Amino acid sequence: MNLFGVLLSFGLLIVGEGINIWAEMLSAKLPGAQSLFEYKNLPLFAMVIIGCSFLLFGYSVGFQASKSIWTVTVASVVAILIIEPFLAYAFFHQLPEKGALVGLILGAIGFIATITWV
């Protein structure tokens, strides 16, 4: 396993998931689903395209580095568990509840176990 490649993949996944979640949070603040298709909200679609591009590269680099799709899948889930609570607080000023914190801790433990126990 190439640890540098796995860490690079994790960084790409964090950026990609962060951009996608950011777009999701912005769309959640819109007055309704119909307003999503207004011209002023088209940058949200560009954000998703950019975020998904990072995810594609992250999955590709991660699979080549680890030779295991499960390592990359766990890294993607952990990226979501790390980024989403911060962005949710930034946009909605709501702290994660106890369950989300436990999920974050268990996700981090699962990621560490996945990359160390090959």
N, C-alpha and C. Protein backbone atom coordinates (compact mmCIF):
# COMPACT_ATOMS: atom_id res chain seq x y z
N MET A 1 0.85 -1.18 0.00
CA MET A 1 0.00 0.00 0.00
C MET A 1 0.89 1.24 0.00
N ASN A 2 0.57 2.18 -0.83
CA ASN A 2 1.29 3.44 -0.93
C ASN A 2 0.61 4.46 -0.01
N LEU A 3 1.20 4.72 1.15
CA LEU A 3 0.59 5.60 2.14
C LEU A 3 0.42 7.02 1.61
N PHE A 4 1.41 7.52 0.85
CA PHE A 4 1.29 8.86 0.28
C PHE A 4 0.07 8.96 -0.64
N GLY A 5 -0.13 7.94 -1.47
CA GLY A 5 -1.28 7.94 -2.38
C GLY A 5 -2.60 7.89 -1.62
N VAL A 6 -2.63 7.11 -0.54
CA VAL A 6 -3.85 7.03 0.27
C VAL A 6 -4.15 8.39 0.90
N LEU A 7 -3.11 9.04 1.43
CA LEU A 7 -3.32 10.35 2.05
C LEU A 7 -3.70 11.41 1.02
N LEU A 8 -3.09 11.35 -0.18
CA LEU A 8 -3.47 12.26 -1.26
C LEU A 8 -4.91 12.04 -1.64
N SER A 9 -5.30 10.78 -1.75
CA SER A 9 -6.68 10.44 -2.06
C SER A 9 -7.63 11.00 -1.00
N PHE A 10 -7.25 10.85 0.26
CA PHE A 10 -8.09 11.36 1.35
C PHE A 10 -8.24 12.87 1.25
N GLY A 11 -7.16 13.58 0.92
CA GLY A 11 -7.23 15.02 0.74
C GLY A 11 -8.16 15.41 -0.41
N LEU A 12 -8.05 14.69 -1.53
CA LEU A 12 -8.94 14.96 -2.67
C LEU A 12 -10.39 14.69 -2.31
N LEU A 13 -10.61 13.61 -1.55
CA LEU A 13 -11.98 13.28 -1.14
C LEU A 13 -12.54 14.33 -0.18
N ILE A 14 -11.70 14.83 0.73
CA ILE A 14 -12.17 15.87 1.65
C ILE A 14 -12.57 17.12 0.88
N VAL A 15 -11.75 17.54 -0.08
CA VAL A 15 -12.07 18.73 -0.87
C VAL A 15 -13.34 18.50 -1.68
N GLY A 16 -13.42 17.36 -2.36
CA GLY A 16 -14.59 17.06 -3.18
C GLY A 16 -15.87 16.98 -2.36
N GLU A 17 -15.81 16.25 -1.25
CA GLU A 17 -17.00 16.16 -0.39
C GLU A 17 -17.35 17.52 0.18
N GLY A 18 -16.33 18.29 0.54
CA GLY A 18 -16.59 19.63 1.09
C GLY A 18 -17.29 20.53 0.10
N ILE A 19 -16.85 20.53 -1.14
CA ILE A 19 -17.49 21.37 -2.15
C ILE A 19 -18.93 20.91 -2.39
N ASN A 20 -19.13 19.59 -2.48
CA ASN A 20 -20.50 19.09 -2.70
C ASN A 20 -21.41 19.40 -1.52
N ILE A 21 -20.91 19.21 -0.32
CA ILE A 21 -21.74 19.50 0.86
C ILE A 21 -22.03 20.99 0.96
N TRP A 22 -21.05 21.81 0.61
CA TRP A 22 -21.25 23.26 0.60
C TRP A 22 -22.38 23.62 -0.35
N ALA A 23 -22.38 23.04 -1.54
CA ALA A 23 -23.45 23.29 -2.50
C ALA A 23 -24.79 22.80 -1.96
N GLU A 24 -24.79 21.65 -1.29
CA GLU A 24 -26.01 21.13 -0.69
C GLU A 24 -26.56 22.07 0.38
N MET A 25 -25.67 22.58 1.22
CA MET A 25 -26.09 23.49 2.28
C MET A 25 -26.66 24.79 1.69
N LEU A 26 -26.00 25.31 0.65
CA LEU A 26 -26.51 26.52 0.00
C LEU A 26 -27.88 26.27 -0.61
N SER A 27 -28.05 25.09 -1.22
CA SER A 27 -29.35 24.81 -1.83
C SER A 27 -30.43 24.59 -0.77
N ALA A 28 -30.03 24.10 0.41
CA ALA A 28 -31.01 23.91 1.48
C ALA A 28 -31.56 25.24 1.98
N LYS A 29 -30.79 26.31 1.84
CA LYS A 29 -31.23 27.63 2.29
C LYS A 29 -32.13 28.33 1.27
N LEU A 30 -32.27 27.78 0.08
CA LEU A 30 -33.13 28.40 -0.93
C LEU A 30 -34.59 28.29 -0.50
N PRO A 31 -35.44 29.20 -0.98
CA PRO A 31 -36.83 29.19 -0.54
C PRO A 31 -37.62 27.97 -1.00
N GLY A 32 -37.19 27.31 -2.04
CA GLY A 32 -37.90 26.13 -2.52
C GLY A 32 -37.12 25.46 -3.63
N ALA A 33 -37.58 24.27 -3.99
CA ALA A 33 -36.88 23.50 -5.02
C ALA A 33 -36.93 24.20 -6.37
N GLN A 34 -38.00 24.92 -6.64
CA GLN A 34 -38.13 25.62 -7.93
C GLN A 34 -37.06 26.69 -8.09
N SER A 35 -36.67 27.32 -7.00
CA SER A 35 -35.69 28.41 -7.08
C SER A 35 -34.29 27.90 -7.40
N LEU A 36 -34.06 26.61 -7.29
CA LEU A 36 -32.77 26.04 -7.61
C LEU A 36 -32.41 26.27 -9.08
N PHE A 37 -33.42 26.32 -9.93
CA PHE A 37 -33.18 26.44 -11.37
C PHE A 37 -33.19 27.89 -11.86
N GLU A 38 -33.20 28.84 -10.95
CA GLU A 38 -33.07 30.24 -11.35
C GLU A 38 -31.62 30.50 -11.76
N TYR A 39 -31.46 31.48 -12.65
CA TYR A 39 -30.14 31.76 -13.22
C TYR A 39 -29.11 32.07 -12.15
N LYS A 40 -29.50 32.78 -11.10
CA LYS A 40 -28.54 33.17 -10.06
C LYS A 40 -28.02 31.98 -9.25
N ASN A 41 -28.70 30.85 -9.32
CA ASN A 41 -28.29 29.67 -8.56
C ASN A 41 -27.53 28.64 -9.40
N LEU A 42 -27.27 28.94 -10.65
CA LEU A 42 -26.52 28.01 -11.50
C LEU A 42 -25.10 27.72 -11.00
N PRO A 43 -24.44 28.64 -10.29
CA PRO A 43 -23.12 28.29 -9.74
C PRO A 43 -23.13 27.06 -8.82
N LEU A 44 -24.29 26.74 -8.23
CA LEU A 44 -24.38 25.53 -7.40
C LEU A 44 -24.09 24.29 -8.24
N PHE A 45 -24.57 24.28 -9.48
CA PHE A 45 -24.32 23.14 -10.35
C PHE A 45 -22.84 23.07 -10.72
N ALA A 46 -22.22 24.22 -10.93
CA ALA A 46 -20.78 24.24 -11.21
C ALA A 46 -19.99 23.71 -10.01
N MET A 47 -20.43 24.07 -8.81
CA MET A 47 -19.76 23.58 -7.60
C MET A 47 -19.84 22.05 -7.53
N VAL A 48 -20.99 21.50 -7.86
CA VAL A 48 -21.15 20.05 -7.81
C VAL A 48 -20.26 19.37 -8.85
N ILE A 49 -20.17 19.95 -10.04
CA ILE A 49 -19.31 19.37 -11.08
C ILE A 49 -17.85 19.38 -10.62
N ILE A 50 -17.41 20.49 -10.04
CA ILE A 50 -16.03 20.58 -9.54
C ILE A 50 -15.82 19.59 -8.39
N GLY A 51 -16.76 19.55 -7.46
CA GLY A 51 -16.64 18.63 -6.33
C GLY A 51 -16.60 17.17 -6.77
N CYS A 52 -17.44 16.82 -7.73
CA CYS A 52 -17.44 15.44 -8.22
C CYS A 52 -16.15 15.11 -8.97
N SER A 53 -15.57 16.10 -9.61
CA SER A 53 -14.28 15.87 -10.28
C SER A 53 -13.20 15.51 -9.25
N PHE A 54 -13.19 16.23 -8.13
CA PHE A 54 -12.25 15.89 -7.05
C PHE A 54 -12.52 14.48 -6.53
N LEU A 55 -13.79 14.12 -6.40
CA LEU A 55 -14.13 12.78 -5.92
C LEU A 55 -13.65 11.70 -6.88
N LEU A 56 -13.83 11.93 -8.18
CA LEU A 56 -13.39 10.95 -9.17
C LEU A 56 -11.87 10.75 -9.09
N PHE A 57 -11.14 11.87 -9.01
CA PHE A 57 -9.69 11.76 -8.89
C PHE A 57 -9.29 11.09 -7.58
N GLY A 58 -9.99 11.44 -6.51
CA GLY A 58 -9.70 10.83 -5.21
C GLY A 58 -9.91 9.33 -5.22
N TYR A 59 -11.02 8.88 -5.81
CA TYR A 59 -11.26 7.44 -5.89
C TYR A 59 -10.22 6.76 -6.76
N SER A 60 -9.86 7.37 -7.87
CA SER A 60 -8.87 6.78 -8.77
C SER A 60 -7.50 6.66 -8.09
N VAL A 61 -7.03 7.75 -7.51
CA VAL A 61 -5.74 7.74 -6.83
C VAL A 61 -5.76 6.78 -5.65
N GLY A 62 -6.85 6.79 -4.89
CA GLY A 62 -6.95 5.93 -3.72
C GLY A 62 -6.94 4.45 -4.07
N PHE A 63 -7.67 4.09 -5.13
CA PHE A 63 -7.70 2.68 -5.51
C PHE A 63 -6.34 2.23 -6.04
N GLN A 64 -5.69 3.08 -6.82
CA GLN A 64 -4.36 2.73 -7.33
C GLN A 64 -3.35 2.61 -6.19
N ALA A 65 -3.49 3.43 -5.17
CA ALA A 65 -2.53 3.42 -4.06
C ALA A 65 -2.77 2.27 -3.09
N SER A 66 -4.03 1.95 -2.85
CA SER A 66 -4.34 0.95 -1.82
C SER A 66 -4.71 -0.42 -2.38
N LYS A 67 -5.11 -0.46 -3.64
CA LYS A 67 -5.57 -1.70 -4.28
C LYS A 67 -6.81 -2.27 -3.59
N SER A 68 -7.53 -1.42 -2.87
CA SER A 68 -8.74 -1.85 -2.17
C SER A 68 -9.79 -0.74 -2.27
N ILE A 69 -10.92 -1.06 -2.86
CA ILE A 69 -11.99 -0.07 -2.96
C ILE A 69 -12.56 0.25 -1.59
N TRP A 70 -12.45 -0.68 -0.65
CA TRP A 70 -12.98 -0.44 0.69
C TRP A 70 -12.19 0.63 1.43
N THR A 71 -10.91 0.69 1.21
CA THR A 71 -10.11 1.76 1.82
C THR A 71 -10.58 3.11 1.33
N VAL A 72 -10.83 3.21 0.05
CA VAL A 72 -11.28 4.47 -0.53
C VAL A 72 -12.70 4.80 -0.07
N THR A 73 -13.56 3.81 0.02
CA THR A 73 -14.93 4.03 0.47
C THR A 73 -14.95 4.54 1.91
N VAL A 74 -14.14 3.92 2.76
CA VAL A 74 -14.08 4.37 4.16
C VAL A 74 -13.53 5.79 4.23
N ALA A 75 -12.52 6.11 3.42
CA ALA A 75 -11.97 7.46 3.41
C ALA A 75 -13.02 8.47 2.98
N SER A 76 -13.85 8.11 2.01
CA SER A 76 -14.91 9.02 1.55
C SER A 76 -15.94 9.25 2.65
N VAL A 77 -16.33 8.19 3.34
CA VAL A 77 -17.31 8.32 4.42
C VAL A 77 -16.74 9.15 5.56
N VAL A 78 -15.47 8.94 5.89
CA VAL A 78 -14.84 9.72 6.96
C VAL A 78 -14.74 11.19 6.55
N ALA A 79 -14.46 11.45 5.28
CA ALA A 79 -14.41 12.83 4.81
C ALA A 79 -15.76 13.52 5.03
N ILE A 80 -16.83 12.80 4.74
CA ILE A 80 -18.17 13.36 4.99
C ILE A 80 -18.38 13.59 6.47
N LEU A 81 -17.97 12.62 7.29
CA LEU A 81 -18.17 12.74 8.74
C LEU A 81 -17.38 13.90 9.33
N ILE A 82 -16.26 14.24 8.71
CA ILE A 82 -15.46 15.35 9.22
C ILE A 82 -16.01 16.69 8.75
N ILE A 83 -16.31 16.79 7.47
CA ILE A 83 -16.67 18.07 6.86
C ILE A 83 -18.10 18.51 7.17
N GLU A 84 -19.03 17.59 7.08
CA GLU A 84 -20.44 17.99 7.17
C GLU A 84 -20.82 18.68 8.48
N PRO A 85 -20.37 18.19 9.65
CA PRO A 85 -20.74 18.91 10.88
C PRO A 85 -20.21 20.35 10.91
N PHE A 86 -19.00 20.57 10.40
CA PHE A 86 -18.46 21.92 10.39
C PHE A 86 -19.26 22.83 9.46
N LEU A 87 -19.58 22.34 8.29
CA LEU A 87 -20.36 23.16 7.35
C LEU A 87 -21.79 23.37 7.84
N ALA A 88 -22.37 22.35 8.46
CA ALA A 88 -23.72 22.51 9.01
C ALA A 88 -23.73 23.61 10.07
N TYR A 89 -22.71 23.62 10.92
CA TYR A 89 -22.64 24.67 11.93
C TYR A 89 -22.42 26.03 11.28
N ALA A 90 -21.55 26.09 10.28
CA ALA A 90 -21.25 27.36 9.62
C ALA A 90 -22.49 27.96 8.94
N PHE A 91 -23.30 27.12 8.34
CA PHE A 91 -24.46 27.62 7.60
C PHE A 91 -25.72 27.74 8.45
N PHE A 92 -25.92 26.83 9.40
CA PHE A 92 -27.17 26.80 10.16
C PHE A 92 -27.00 27.09 11.65
N HIS A 93 -25.76 27.23 12.11
CA HIS A 93 -25.45 27.51 13.51
C HIS A 93 -26.08 26.49 14.45
N GLN A 94 -26.00 25.23 14.06
CA GLN A 94 -26.48 24.14 14.88
C GLN A 94 -25.30 23.21 15.17
N LEU A 95 -25.13 22.89 16.43
CA LEU A 95 -24.05 21.97 16.81
C LEU A 95 -24.48 20.53 16.53
N PRO A 96 -23.53 19.67 16.18
CA PRO A 96 -23.88 18.25 16.00
C PRO A 96 -24.30 17.66 17.34
N GLU A 97 -25.22 16.73 17.26
CA GLU A 97 -25.68 16.09 18.48
C GLU A 97 -24.74 14.95 18.87
N LYS A 98 -25.02 14.33 19.99
CA LYS A 98 -24.13 13.29 20.51
C LYS A 98 -23.95 12.15 19.51
N GLY A 99 -25.02 11.76 18.84
CA GLY A 99 -24.93 10.66 17.87
C GLY A 99 -23.98 10.97 16.74
N ALA A 100 -24.00 12.21 16.26
CA ALA A 100 -23.09 12.60 15.17
C ALA A 100 -21.65 12.58 15.65
N LEU A 101 -21.42 12.99 16.89
CA LEU A 101 -20.06 12.96 17.43
C LEU A 101 -19.55 11.54 17.58
N VAL A 102 -20.42 10.65 18.07
CA VAL A 102 -20.04 9.23 18.18
C VAL A 102 -19.76 8.66 16.80
N GLY A 103 -20.58 9.01 15.80
CA GLY A 103 -20.36 8.55 14.43
C GLY A 103 -19.04 9.03 13.88
N LEU A 104 -18.68 10.27 14.18
CA LEU A 104 -17.40 10.81 13.73
C LEU A 104 -16.24 10.03 14.34
N ILE A 105 -16.32 9.77 15.62
CA ILE A 105 -15.25 9.03 16.31
C ILE A 105 -15.14 7.61 15.77
N LEU A 106 -16.28 6.94 15.61
CA LEU A 106 -16.24 5.57 15.08
C LEU A 106 -15.76 5.55 13.63
N GLY A 107 -16.15 6.56 12.86
CA GLY A 107 -15.68 6.63 11.48
C GLY A 107 -14.18 6.81 11.41
N ALA A 108 -13.63 7.66 12.28
CA ALA A 108 -12.18 7.86 12.32
C ALA A 108 -11.46 6.58 12.73
N ILE A 109 -12.00 5.87 13.71
CA ILE A 109 -11.41 4.60 14.13
C ILE A 109 -11.46 3.59 12.98
N GLY A 110 -12.58 3.56 12.28
CA GLY A 110 -12.71 2.66 11.13
C GLY A 110 -11.71 2.98 10.03
N PHE A 111 -11.48 4.27 9.79
CA PHE A 111 -10.51 4.67 8.76
C PHE A 111 -9.10 4.25 9.16
N ILE A 112 -8.75 4.49 10.41
CA ILE A 112 -7.41 4.10 10.89
C ILE A 112 -7.24 2.58 10.81
N ALA A 113 -8.27 1.84 11.19
CA ALA A 113 -8.19 0.38 11.10
C ALA A 113 -8.06 -0.08 9.65
N THR A 114 -8.75 0.60 8.76
CA THR A 114 -8.72 0.20 7.35
C THR A 114 -7.34 0.41 6.73
N ILE A 115 -6.68 1.52 7.05
CA ILE A 115 -5.38 1.75 6.42
C ILE A 115 -4.23 1.06 7.14
N THR A 116 -4.44 0.62 8.38
CA THR A 116 -3.34 -0.03 9.10
C THR A 116 -3.43 -1.55 9.05
N TRP A 117 -4.62 -2.12 9.02
CA TRP A 117 -4.77 -3.57 9.00
C TRP A 117 -5.06 -4.03 7.58
N VAL A 118 -4.05 -4.15 6.81
CA VAL A 118 -4.20 -4.53 5.41
C VAL A 118 -4.18 -6.03 5.28
